[in-house]
Amino acid sequence: MRVALSRRLTAFLIAGAAIGLLGVVLFGVVHALIIVPIWTRLFGGVPFALPAGLAMGWALYELQAASRLGEGAFSGLVFGFLVWLTLLPMTAFTVFVRAAGLHSREGYWESTVELLLASGTGALLGHLISRQWRPAIAMGIASLAVALAQAGPIPVINSSRTAWLFAALGLIYLACGFALGLLSSAILRRSKSQP
């Protein structure tokens, strides 16, 4: 059985791939300004950023399909903020673990909890917004994907620079969400004008 992607979903996925690449570039700029330039290592983030962008595109598509989020750049901006918001519990957990002296460089328990927090928060937020399972799953996957793309939580307790980096990531998610809303709308308009 073949399932064809709808034009609408395809538009969101194309826009998602584009914002994945945009996110890599913006992260490179922010990292260079706040921490240190990483231009030579930036390309290594593309394999993580593309799936994150695709997941964000799918999540916004599902939230709009559930009629809980409007169309266009403003809804994308709101969505970008929501994605960043889903990363706060993961970041707070990291702060708590480090402040309590429980941080370990060995073992996977911290990473497991952090990723469960990111995906669980995304799914919960998606469900609270839509009251439907598809947007909840899509939002959970998007939150997990962006957490992986940024290599887990930013250790904001380490220094003021890392705290600024975390704040700047919020701006990156806003910009990428805005671009996602704008691009997906533009692609949809263009596809409707073609036979």
N, C-alpha and C. Protein backbone atom coordinates (compact mmCIF):
# COMPACT_ATOMS: atom_id res chain seq x y z
N MET A 1 0.85 -1.18 0.00
CA MET A 1 0.00 0.00 0.00
C MET A 1 0.89 1.24 0.00
N ARG A 2 0.68 2.11 -0.96
CA ARG A 2 1.45 3.35 -1.04
C ARG A 2 0.65 4.48 -0.44
N VAL A 3 1.33 5.27 0.33
CA VAL A 3 0.70 6.44 0.93
C VAL A 3 1.39 7.67 0.37
N ALA A 4 0.63 8.49 -0.30
CA ALA A 4 1.20 9.71 -0.87
C ALA A 4 1.15 10.82 0.17
N LEU A 5 2.24 11.54 0.26
CA LEU A 5 2.25 12.69 1.16
C LEU A 5 1.37 13.79 0.56
N SER A 6 0.64 14.43 1.41
CA SER A 6 -0.17 15.53 0.93
C SER A 6 0.74 16.70 0.54
N ARG A 7 0.24 17.55 -0.31
CA ARG A 7 1.01 18.74 -0.69
C ARG A 7 1.31 19.58 0.54
N ARG A 8 0.35 19.63 1.42
CA ARG A 8 0.50 20.45 2.62
C ARG A 8 1.64 19.92 3.50
N LEU A 9 1.63 18.63 3.78
CA LEU A 9 2.69 18.04 4.60
C LEU A 9 4.05 18.18 3.90
N THR A 10 4.07 17.97 2.60
CA THR A 10 5.32 18.11 1.84
C THR A 10 5.88 19.52 1.99
N ALA A 11 5.02 20.52 1.94
CA ALA A 11 5.47 21.90 2.11
C ALA A 11 6.11 22.11 3.47
N PHE A 12 5.51 21.53 4.50
CA PHE A 12 6.06 21.68 5.85
C PHE A 12 7.39 20.93 6.00
N LEU A 13 7.51 19.79 5.35
CA LEU A 13 8.76 19.03 5.43
C LEU A 13 9.88 19.73 4.68
N ILE A 14 9.57 20.30 3.53
CA ILE A 14 10.58 21.06 2.78
C ILE A 14 11.04 22.27 3.60
N ALA A 15 10.07 22.98 4.15
CA ALA A 15 10.41 24.13 5.00
C ALA A 15 11.19 23.68 6.23
N GLY A 16 10.84 22.53 6.77
CA GLY A 16 11.55 21.99 7.93
C GLY A 16 13.00 21.68 7.62
N ALA A 17 13.24 21.09 6.45
CA ALA A 17 14.63 20.81 6.06
C ALA A 17 15.42 22.12 5.93
N ALA A 18 14.77 23.12 5.37
CA ALA A 18 15.44 24.43 5.21
C ALA A 18 15.77 25.05 6.57
N ILE A 19 14.85 24.96 7.51
CA ILE A 19 15.14 25.57 8.82
C ILE A 19 16.16 24.76 9.60
N GLY A 20 16.26 23.47 9.30
CA GLY A 20 17.32 22.68 9.92
C GLY A 20 18.68 23.23 9.54
N LEU A 21 18.84 23.53 8.26
CA LEU A 21 20.11 24.12 7.78
C LEU A 21 20.29 25.53 8.33
N LEU A 22 19.21 26.29 8.36
CA LEU A 22 19.27 27.64 8.93
C LEU A 22 19.71 27.58 10.39
N GLY A 23 19.19 26.62 11.12
CA GLY A 23 19.55 26.47 12.53
C GLY A 23 21.04 26.21 12.72
N VAL A 24 21.62 25.42 11.84
CA VAL A 24 23.06 25.14 11.93
C VAL A 24 23.85 26.44 11.74
N VAL A 25 23.49 27.21 10.74
CA VAL A 25 24.20 28.46 10.47
C VAL A 25 24.03 29.44 11.64
N LEU A 26 22.80 29.58 12.12
CA LEU A 26 22.56 30.50 13.24
C LEU A 26 23.30 30.05 14.50
N PHE A 27 23.32 28.74 14.73
CA PHE A 27 24.06 28.23 15.89
C PHE A 27 25.55 28.55 15.75
N GLY A 28 26.07 28.41 14.55
CA GLY A 28 27.48 28.74 14.32
C GLY A 28 27.78 30.19 14.62
N VAL A 29 26.90 31.07 14.18
CA VAL A 29 27.08 32.51 14.44
C VAL A 29 27.03 32.79 15.94
N VAL A 30 26.01 32.26 16.59
CA VAL A 30 25.84 32.50 18.02
C VAL A 30 27.00 31.92 18.82
N HIS A 31 27.41 30.72 18.47
CA HIS A 31 28.53 30.09 19.19
C HIS A 31 29.81 30.90 18.99
N ALA A 32 30.02 31.41 17.79
CA ALA A 32 31.21 32.22 17.52
C ALA A 32 31.18 33.52 18.33
N LEU A 33 30.02 34.11 18.47
CA LEU A 33 29.91 35.37 19.20
C LEU A 33 30.02 35.18 20.72
N ILE A 34 29.47 34.09 21.23
CA ILE A 34 29.39 33.93 22.68
C ILE A 34 30.52 33.07 23.25
N ILE A 35 30.85 31.99 22.58
CA ILE A 35 31.84 31.05 23.12
C ILE A 35 33.14 31.14 22.32
N VAL A 36 33.16 30.46 21.18
CA VAL A 36 34.34 30.42 20.32
C VAL A 36 33.88 29.98 18.93
N PRO A 37 34.52 30.45 17.87
CA PRO A 37 34.12 29.99 16.53
C PRO A 37 34.31 28.48 16.36
N ILE A 38 33.33 27.86 15.73
CA ILE A 38 33.39 26.41 15.48
C ILE A 38 33.08 26.11 14.01
N TRP A 39 33.46 27.03 13.14
CA TRP A 39 33.08 26.92 11.72
C TRP A 39 33.54 25.61 11.10
N THR A 40 34.72 25.13 11.45
CA THR A 40 35.23 23.91 10.82
C THR A 40 34.48 22.66 11.29
N ARG A 41 33.83 22.73 12.43
CA ARG A 41 33.10 21.58 12.96
C ARG A 41 31.59 21.69 12.74
N LEU A 42 31.15 22.79 12.19
CA LEU A 42 29.73 23.06 12.07
C LEU A 42 29.01 22.07 11.15
N PHE A 43 29.67 21.64 10.10
CA PHE A 43 29.05 20.72 9.15
C PHE A 43 28.63 19.42 9.83
N GLY A 44 29.31 19.04 10.89
CA GLY A 44 28.95 17.83 11.63
C GLY A 44 27.58 17.91 12.28
N GLY A 45 27.02 19.10 12.41
CA GLY A 45 25.69 19.24 12.99
C GLY A 45 24.56 19.03 12.00
N VAL A 46 24.88 19.05 10.72
CA VAL A 46 23.84 18.92 9.69
C VAL A 46 23.06 17.61 9.80
N PRO A 47 23.72 16.45 10.01
CA PRO A 47 22.94 15.21 10.11
C PRO A 47 21.96 15.18 11.29
N PHE A 48 22.18 16.02 12.27
CA PHE A 48 21.25 16.11 13.40
C PHE A 48 20.21 17.21 13.18
N ALA A 49 20.64 18.28 12.53
CA ALA A 49 19.75 19.42 12.32
C ALA A 49 18.67 19.15 11.27
N LEU A 50 19.00 18.40 10.24
CA LEU A 50 17.99 18.10 9.22
C LEU A 50 16.81 17.30 9.79
N PRO A 51 17.05 16.21 10.52
CA PRO A 51 15.91 15.51 11.12
C PRO A 51 15.15 16.39 12.12
N ALA A 52 15.87 17.24 12.84
CA ALA A 52 15.20 18.14 13.78
C ALA A 52 14.29 19.12 13.03
N GLY A 53 14.78 19.66 11.93
CA GLY A 53 13.96 20.56 11.12
C GLY A 53 12.76 19.85 10.53
N LEU A 54 12.97 18.63 10.04
CA LEU A 54 11.86 17.84 9.50
C LEU A 54 10.82 17.56 10.59
N ALA A 55 11.30 17.21 11.78
CA ALA A 55 10.38 16.93 12.89
C ALA A 55 9.61 18.19 13.29
N MET A 56 10.29 19.33 13.28
CA MET A 56 9.59 20.58 13.59
C MET A 56 8.54 20.88 12.53
N GLY A 57 8.88 20.64 11.26
CA GLY A 57 7.91 20.85 10.19
C GLY A 57 6.69 19.96 10.36
N TRP A 58 6.93 18.69 10.68
CA TRP A 58 5.82 17.77 10.90
C TRP A 58 4.96 18.20 12.09
N ALA A 59 5.61 18.60 13.18
CA ALA A 59 4.86 19.00 14.38
C ALA A 59 4.00 20.23 14.10
N LEU A 60 4.55 21.22 13.41
CA LEU A 60 3.74 22.40 13.10
C LEU A 60 2.59 22.02 12.18
N TYR A 61 2.85 21.15 11.23
CA TYR A 61 1.79 20.66 10.34
C TYR A 61 0.66 20.02 11.15
N GLU A 62 1.02 19.15 12.08
CA GLU A 62 0.01 18.46 12.89
C GLU A 62 -0.77 19.43 13.78
N LEU A 63 -0.07 20.39 14.37
CA LEU A 63 -0.76 21.36 15.22
C LEU A 63 -1.71 22.23 14.41
N GLN A 64 -1.30 22.59 13.20
CA GLN A 64 -2.19 23.37 12.35
C GLN A 64 -3.35 22.51 11.85
N ALA A 65 -3.09 21.25 11.54
CA ALA A 65 -4.15 20.36 11.08
C ALA A 65 -5.19 20.14 12.18
N ALA A 66 -4.76 20.21 13.42
CA ALA A 66 -5.69 20.07 14.55
C ALA A 66 -6.42 21.39 14.83
N SER A 67 -6.16 22.38 14.00
CA SER A 67 -6.79 23.71 14.12
C SER A 67 -6.49 24.38 15.44
N ARG A 68 -5.30 24.14 15.96
CA ARG A 68 -4.91 24.75 17.22
C ARG A 68 -3.86 25.84 17.06
N LEU A 69 -3.31 25.92 15.89
CA LEU A 69 -2.30 26.93 15.62
C LEU A 69 -2.57 27.45 14.22
N GLY A 70 -2.57 28.74 14.08
CA GLY A 70 -2.88 29.34 12.78
C GLY A 70 -1.77 29.12 11.77
N GLU A 71 -1.95 29.73 10.63
CA GLU A 71 -0.95 29.62 9.56
C GLU A 71 -0.11 30.88 9.51
N GLY A 72 1.03 30.77 8.88
CA GLY A 72 1.86 31.94 8.63
C GLY A 72 3.02 32.09 9.59
N ALA A 73 3.71 33.20 9.41
CA ALA A 73 4.94 33.46 10.15
C ALA A 73 4.71 33.61 11.65
N PHE A 74 3.63 34.27 12.04
CA PHE A 74 3.39 34.48 13.47
C PHE A 74 3.16 33.15 14.19
N SER A 75 2.40 32.26 13.58
CA SER A 75 2.19 30.95 14.22
C SER A 75 3.50 30.18 14.29
N GLY A 76 4.35 30.36 13.29
CA GLY A 76 5.67 29.75 13.33
C GLY A 76 6.51 30.30 14.47
N LEU A 77 6.40 31.60 14.69
CA LEU A 77 7.12 32.23 15.80
C LEU A 77 6.66 31.66 17.14
N VAL A 78 5.36 31.54 17.30
CA VAL A 78 4.80 30.95 18.52
C VAL A 78 5.28 29.50 18.66
N PHE A 79 5.25 28.78 17.57
CA PHE A 79 5.70 27.39 17.58
C PHE A 79 7.17 27.29 17.98
N GLY A 80 8.01 28.16 17.45
CA GLY A 80 9.43 28.17 17.82
C GLY A 80 9.62 28.39 19.31
N PHE A 81 8.82 29.28 19.87
CA PHE A 81 8.88 29.52 21.31
C PHE A 81 8.45 28.26 22.07
N LEU A 82 7.40 27.60 21.60
CA LEU A 82 6.93 26.38 22.26
C LEU A 82 7.99 25.28 22.23
N VAL A 83 8.69 25.17 21.11
CA VAL A 83 9.75 24.16 21.02
C VAL A 83 10.84 24.46 22.05
N TRP A 84 11.25 25.71 22.13
CA TRP A 84 12.28 26.08 23.11
C TRP A 84 11.77 25.82 24.53
N LEU A 85 10.50 26.10 24.76
CA LEU A 85 9.89 25.89 26.07
C LEU A 85 9.96 24.43 26.49
N THR A 86 9.82 23.52 25.53
CA THR A 86 9.87 22.09 25.87
C THR A 86 11.24 21.65 26.34
N LEU A 87 12.25 22.46 26.10
CA LEU A 87 13.61 22.10 26.53
C LEU A 87 13.94 22.60 27.93
N LEU A 88 13.07 23.40 28.51
CA LEU A 88 13.34 23.95 29.84
C LEU A 88 13.40 22.88 30.94
N PRO A 89 12.48 21.91 30.99
CA PRO A 89 12.60 20.89 32.05
C PRO A 89 13.90 20.09 31.95
N MET A 90 14.32 19.77 30.74
CA MET A 90 15.57 19.05 30.55
C MET A 90 16.74 19.88 31.08
N THR A 91 16.72 21.16 30.78
CA THR A 91 17.79 22.05 31.22
C THR A 91 17.76 22.22 32.74
N ALA A 92 16.57 22.36 33.30
CA ALA A 92 16.44 22.49 34.76
C ALA A 92 16.96 21.23 35.46
N PHE A 93 16.67 20.07 34.89
CA PHE A 93 17.17 18.82 35.46
C PHE A 93 18.70 18.81 35.47
N THR A 94 19.29 19.25 34.39
CA THR A 94 20.75 19.30 34.30
C THR A 94 21.34 20.24 35.34
N VAL A 95 20.70 21.38 35.53
CA VAL A 95 21.16 22.33 36.55
C VAL A 95 21.08 21.68 37.92
N PHE A 96 19.98 21.02 38.21
CA PHE A 96 19.80 20.36 39.51
C PHE A 96 20.87 19.29 39.73
N VAL A 97 21.08 18.44 38.74
CA VAL A 97 22.05 17.35 38.87
C VAL A 97 23.46 17.90 39.11
N ARG A 98 23.82 18.93 38.37
CA ARG A 98 25.16 19.50 38.53
C ARG A 98 25.30 20.23 39.87
N ALA A 99 24.27 20.97 40.25
CA ALA A 99 24.32 21.71 41.52
C ALA A 99 24.36 20.75 42.71
N ALA A 100 23.71 19.62 42.58
CA ALA A 100 23.68 18.63 43.67
C ALA A 100 24.94 17.75 43.68
N GLY A 101 25.81 17.95 42.70
CA GLY A 101 27.03 17.16 42.64
C GLY A 101 26.81 15.74 42.16
N LEU A 102 25.72 15.50 41.45
CA LEU A 102 25.40 14.16 40.98
C LEU A 102 25.83 13.90 39.54
N HIS A 103 26.39 14.92 38.91
CA HIS A 103 26.79 14.79 37.50
C HIS A 103 27.91 13.77 37.37
N SER A 104 27.77 12.91 36.39
CA SER A 104 28.77 11.88 36.15
C SER A 104 29.11 11.86 34.67
N ARG A 105 30.36 11.69 34.37
CA ARG A 105 30.78 11.59 32.97
C ARG A 105 30.63 10.15 32.47
N GLU A 106 30.35 9.26 33.36
CA GLU A 106 30.16 7.85 33.00
C GLU A 106 28.71 7.47 33.21
N GLY A 107 28.26 6.55 32.45
CA GLY A 107 26.88 6.10 32.59
C GLY A 107 25.94 6.93 31.73
N TYR A 108 24.76 6.42 31.55
CA TYR A 108 23.81 7.05 30.65
C TYR A 108 22.53 7.51 31.34
N TRP A 109 22.47 7.42 32.63
CA TRP A 109 21.22 7.73 33.30
C TRP A 109 20.81 9.18 33.10
N GLU A 110 21.76 10.10 33.15
CA GLU A 110 21.43 11.52 32.96
C GLU A 110 20.89 11.79 31.56
N SER A 111 21.58 11.27 30.57
CA SER A 111 21.15 11.48 29.18
C SER A 111 19.77 10.88 28.95
N THR A 112 19.54 9.71 29.52
CA THR A 112 18.25 9.06 29.36
C THR A 112 17.14 9.91 29.96
N VAL A 113 17.35 10.39 31.16
CA VAL A 113 16.33 11.23 31.82
C VAL A 113 16.14 12.53 31.05
N GLU A 114 17.23 13.13 30.60
CA GLU A 114 17.13 14.40 29.85
C GLU A 114 16.31 14.23 28.57
N LEU A 115 16.58 13.17 27.83
CA LEU A 115 15.86 12.95 26.58
C LEU A 115 14.40 12.56 26.83
N LEU A 116 14.16 11.81 27.89
CA LEU A 116 12.77 11.50 28.25
C LEU A 116 12.02 12.76 28.66
N LEU A 117 12.70 13.64 29.38
CA LEU A 117 12.07 14.91 29.76
C LEU A 117 11.75 15.76 28.53
N ALA A 118 12.68 15.83 27.60
CA ALA A 118 12.44 16.63 26.39
C ALA A 118 11.27 16.08 25.59
N SER A 119 11.30 14.78 25.31
CA SER A 119 10.23 14.21 24.49
C SER A 119 8.90 14.18 25.25
N GLY A 120 8.95 13.89 26.53
CA GLY A 120 7.72 13.88 27.32
C GLY A 120 7.09 15.26 27.44
N THR A 121 7.92 16.27 27.64
CA THR A 121 7.40 17.64 27.72
C THR A 121 6.80 18.06 26.39
N GLY A 122 7.47 17.71 25.31
CA GLY A 122 6.94 18.03 23.99
C GLY A 122 5.60 17.35 23.74
N ALA A 123 5.52 16.07 24.08
CA ALA A 123 4.27 15.33 23.87
C ALA A 123 3.16 15.89 24.75
N LEU A 124 3.49 16.20 25.99
CA LEU A 124 2.48 16.77 26.89
C LEU A 124 1.98 18.12 26.38
N LEU A 125 2.90 18.96 25.96
CA LEU A 125 2.51 20.27 25.43
C LEU A 125 1.69 20.11 24.16
N GLY A 126 2.11 19.21 23.28
CA GLY A 126 1.34 18.95 22.07
C GLY A 126 -0.07 18.47 22.37
N HIS A 127 -0.20 17.64 23.39
CA HIS A 127 -1.53 17.15 23.77
C HIS A 127 -2.36 18.25 24.44
N LEU A 128 -1.73 19.05 25.27
CA LEU A 128 -2.46 20.15 25.92
C LEU A 128 -2.99 21.15 24.89
N ILE A 129 -2.21 21.39 23.86
CA ILE A 129 -2.63 22.33 22.82
C ILE A 129 -3.71 21.75 21.93
N SER A 130 -3.54 20.49 21.53
CA SER A 130 -4.42 19.92 20.50
C SER A 130 -5.50 18.98 21.01
N ARG A 131 -5.26 18.36 22.14
CA ARG A 131 -6.15 17.31 22.66
C ARG A 131 -6.25 16.13 21.69
N GLN A 132 -5.20 15.94 20.90
CA GLN A 132 -5.17 14.83 19.94
C GLN A 132 -3.81 14.14 20.03
N TRP A 133 -3.78 12.87 19.67
CA TRP A 133 -2.54 12.11 19.83
C TRP A 133 -1.51 12.40 18.75
N ARG A 134 -1.92 12.64 17.51
CA ARG A 134 -0.93 12.87 16.45
C ARG A 134 -0.08 14.12 16.70
N PRO A 135 -0.69 15.26 17.00
CA PRO A 135 0.15 16.43 17.30
C PRO A 135 1.00 16.22 18.55
N ALA A 136 0.49 15.46 19.51
CA ALA A 136 1.26 15.20 20.73
C ALA A 136 2.51 14.38 20.40
N ILE A 137 2.33 13.34 19.60
CA ILE A 137 3.48 12.52 19.21
C ILE A 137 4.46 13.33 18.38
N ALA A 138 3.94 14.10 17.44
CA ALA A 138 4.81 14.91 16.58
C ALA A 138 5.60 15.92 17.40
N MET A 139 4.95 16.54 18.36
CA MET A 139 5.64 17.53 19.20
C MET A 139 6.67 16.85 20.10
N GLY A 140 6.36 15.66 20.60
CA GLY A 140 7.33 14.92 21.40
C GLY A 140 8.55 14.54 20.59
N ILE A 141 8.33 14.11 19.36
CA ILE A 141 9.45 13.74 18.49
C ILE A 141 10.26 14.99 18.12
N ALA A 142 9.58 16.09 17.85
CA ALA A 142 10.29 17.33 17.52
C ALA A 142 11.16 17.79 18.69
N SER A 143 10.63 17.71 19.89
CA SER A 143 11.40 18.11 21.07
C SER A 143 12.61 17.21 21.27
N LEU A 144 12.41 15.92 21.07
CA LEU A 144 13.52 14.99 21.17
C LEU A 144 14.57 15.28 20.09
N ALA A 145 14.11 15.53 18.88
CA ALA A 145 15.04 15.78 17.77
C ALA A 145 15.86 17.05 17.98
N VAL A 146 15.22 18.11 18.47
CA VAL A 146 16.00 19.34 18.70
C VAL A 146 16.94 19.18 19.89
N ALA A 147 16.52 18.40 20.89
CA ALA A 147 17.43 18.13 22.02
C ALA A 147 18.67 17.39 21.54
N LEU A 148 18.47 16.43 20.65
CA LEU A 148 19.61 15.70 20.09
C LEU A 148 20.45 16.60 19.18
N ALA A 149 19.79 17.45 18.41
CA ALA A 149 20.51 18.34 17.50
C ALA A 149 21.40 19.32 18.25
N GLN A 150 20.96 19.74 19.42
CA GLN A 150 21.80 20.67 20.19
C GLN A 150 22.69 19.91 21.17
N ALA A 151 22.79 18.60 20.98
CA ALA A 151 23.65 17.73 21.80
C ALA A 151 23.24 17.74 23.27
N GLY A 152 21.95 17.73 23.51
CA GLY A 152 21.44 17.67 24.87
C GLY A 152 21.31 19.05 25.49
N PRO A 153 21.11 19.07 26.78
CA PRO A 153 20.90 20.36 27.45
C PRO A 153 22.18 21.19 27.50
N ILE A 154 21.99 22.48 27.48
CA ILE A 154 23.11 23.40 27.63
C ILE A 154 23.39 23.52 29.13
N PRO A 155 24.61 23.25 29.57
CA PRO A 155 24.92 23.32 31.00
C PRO A 155 25.03 24.77 31.48
N VAL A 156 23.88 25.40 31.66
CA VAL A 156 23.84 26.83 31.98
C VAL A 156 24.51 27.17 33.30
N ILE A 157 24.71 26.19 34.14
CA ILE A 157 25.33 26.44 35.44
C ILE A 157 26.86 26.56 35.33
N ASN A 158 27.42 26.13 34.21
CA ASN A 158 28.88 26.13 34.06
C ASN A 158 29.48 27.52 34.01
N SER A 159 28.83 28.43 33.27
CA SER A 159 29.38 29.78 33.14
C SER A 159 28.31 30.71 32.60
N SER A 160 28.60 31.99 32.66
CA SER A 160 27.65 32.95 32.11
C SER A 160 27.58 32.82 30.59
N ARG A 161 28.66 32.41 29.98
CA ARG A 161 28.65 32.22 28.52
C ARG A 161 27.69 31.12 28.10
N THR A 162 27.68 30.03 28.84
CA THR A 162 26.75 28.95 28.48
C THR A 162 25.31 29.37 28.75
N ALA A 163 25.10 30.18 29.77
CA ALA A 163 23.75 30.69 30.03
C ALA A 163 23.31 31.60 28.88
N TRP A 164 24.23 32.43 28.39
CA TRP A 164 23.91 33.28 27.24
C TRP A 164 23.67 32.44 25.99
N LEU A 165 24.40 31.36 25.85
CA LEU A 165 24.20 30.46 24.71
C LEU A 165 22.79 29.86 24.75
N PHE A 166 22.36 29.46 25.94
CA PHE A 166 21.01 28.90 26.07
C PHE A 166 19.95 29.95 25.71
N ALA A 167 20.14 31.17 26.18
CA ALA A 167 19.21 32.24 25.84
C ALA A 167 19.21 32.50 24.33
N ALA A 168 20.39 32.48 23.74
CA ALA A 168 20.50 32.70 22.29
C ALA A 168 19.83 31.57 21.51
N LEU A 169 19.88 30.35 22.06
CA LEU A 169 19.17 29.25 21.41
C LEU A 169 17.67 29.53 21.35
N GLY A 170 17.16 30.18 22.37
CA GLY A 170 15.75 30.58 22.33
C GLY A 170 15.47 31.48 21.13
N LEU A 171 16.38 32.39 20.87
CA LEU A 171 16.22 33.27 19.71
C LEU A 171 16.34 32.49 18.40
N ILE A 172 17.22 31.50 18.39
CA ILE A 172 17.36 30.66 17.19
C ILE A 172 16.07 29.89 16.94
N TYR A 173 15.48 29.34 17.99
CA TYR A 173 14.21 28.61 17.82
C TYR A 173 13.10 29.55 17.36
N LEU A 174 13.09 30.77 17.87
CA LEU A 174 12.11 31.75 17.40
C LEU A 174 12.31 32.04 15.91
N ALA A 175 13.56 32.27 15.53
CA ALA A 175 13.86 32.58 14.12
C ALA A 175 13.52 31.40 13.22
N CYS A 176 13.87 30.20 13.65
CA CYS A 176 13.57 29.02 12.83
C CYS A 176 12.07 28.75 12.77
N GLY A 177 11.37 28.96 13.87
CA GLY A 177 9.92 28.81 13.85
C GLY A 177 9.27 29.83 12.93
N PHE A 178 9.73 31.06 13.01
CA PHE A 178 9.23 32.12 12.13
C PHE A 178 9.47 31.74 10.66
N ALA A 179 10.69 31.29 10.37
CA ALA A 179 11.02 30.89 9.00
C ALA A 179 10.19 29.69 8.56
N LEU A 180 9.94 28.77 9.47
CA LEU A 180 9.12 27.60 9.15
C LEU A 180 7.70 28.02 8.77
N GLY A 181 7.11 28.90 9.56
CA GLY A 181 5.77 29.38 9.24
C GLY A 181 5.73 30.15 7.93
N LEU A 182 6.73 30.98 7.72
CA LEU A 182 6.80 31.79 6.51
C LEU A 182 7.03 30.92 5.27
N LEU A 183 8.02 30.03 5.34
CA LEU A 183 8.36 29.19 4.19
C LEU A 183 7.24 28.20 3.84
N SER A 184 6.68 27.57 4.85
CA SER A 184 5.62 26.59 4.56
C SER A 184 4.42 27.28 3.92
N SER A 185 4.09 28.47 4.38
CA SER A 185 2.98 29.22 3.77
C SER A 185 3.31 29.60 2.32
N ALA A 186 4.54 30.04 2.09
CA ALA A 186 4.95 30.42 0.74
C ALA A 186 4.94 29.22 -0.20
N ILE A 187 5.43 28.09 0.28
CA ILE A 187 5.45 26.87 -0.55
C ILE A 187 4.02 26.43 -0.84
N LEU A 188 3.15 26.51 0.14
CA LEU A 188 1.75 26.13 -0.07
C LEU A 188 1.07 27.04 -1.09
N ARG A 189 1.31 28.33 -0.98
CA ARG A 189 0.72 29.27 -1.95
C ARG A 189 1.21 28.95 -3.36
N ARG A 190 2.49 28.68 -3.47
CA ARG A 190 3.06 28.37 -4.78
C ARG A 190 2.49 27.07 -5.34
N SER A 191 2.35 26.06 -4.49
CA SER A 191 1.83 24.78 -4.97
C SER A 191 0.36 24.87 -5.36
N LYS A 192 -0.39 25.75 -4.70
CA LYS A 192 -1.81 25.93 -5.06
C LYS A 192 -1.97 26.64 -6.39
N SER A 193 -0.99 27.47 -6.73
CA SER A 193 -1.08 28.20 -8.00
C SER A 193 -0.68 27.35 -9.19
N GLN A 194 -0.06 26.20 -8.92
CA GLN A 194 0.33 25.29 -10.00
C GLN A 194 -0.69 24.16 -10.10
N PRO A 195 -0.94 23.68 -11.32
CA PRO A 195 -1.93 22.60 -11.49
C PRO A 195 -1.48 21.29 -10.91
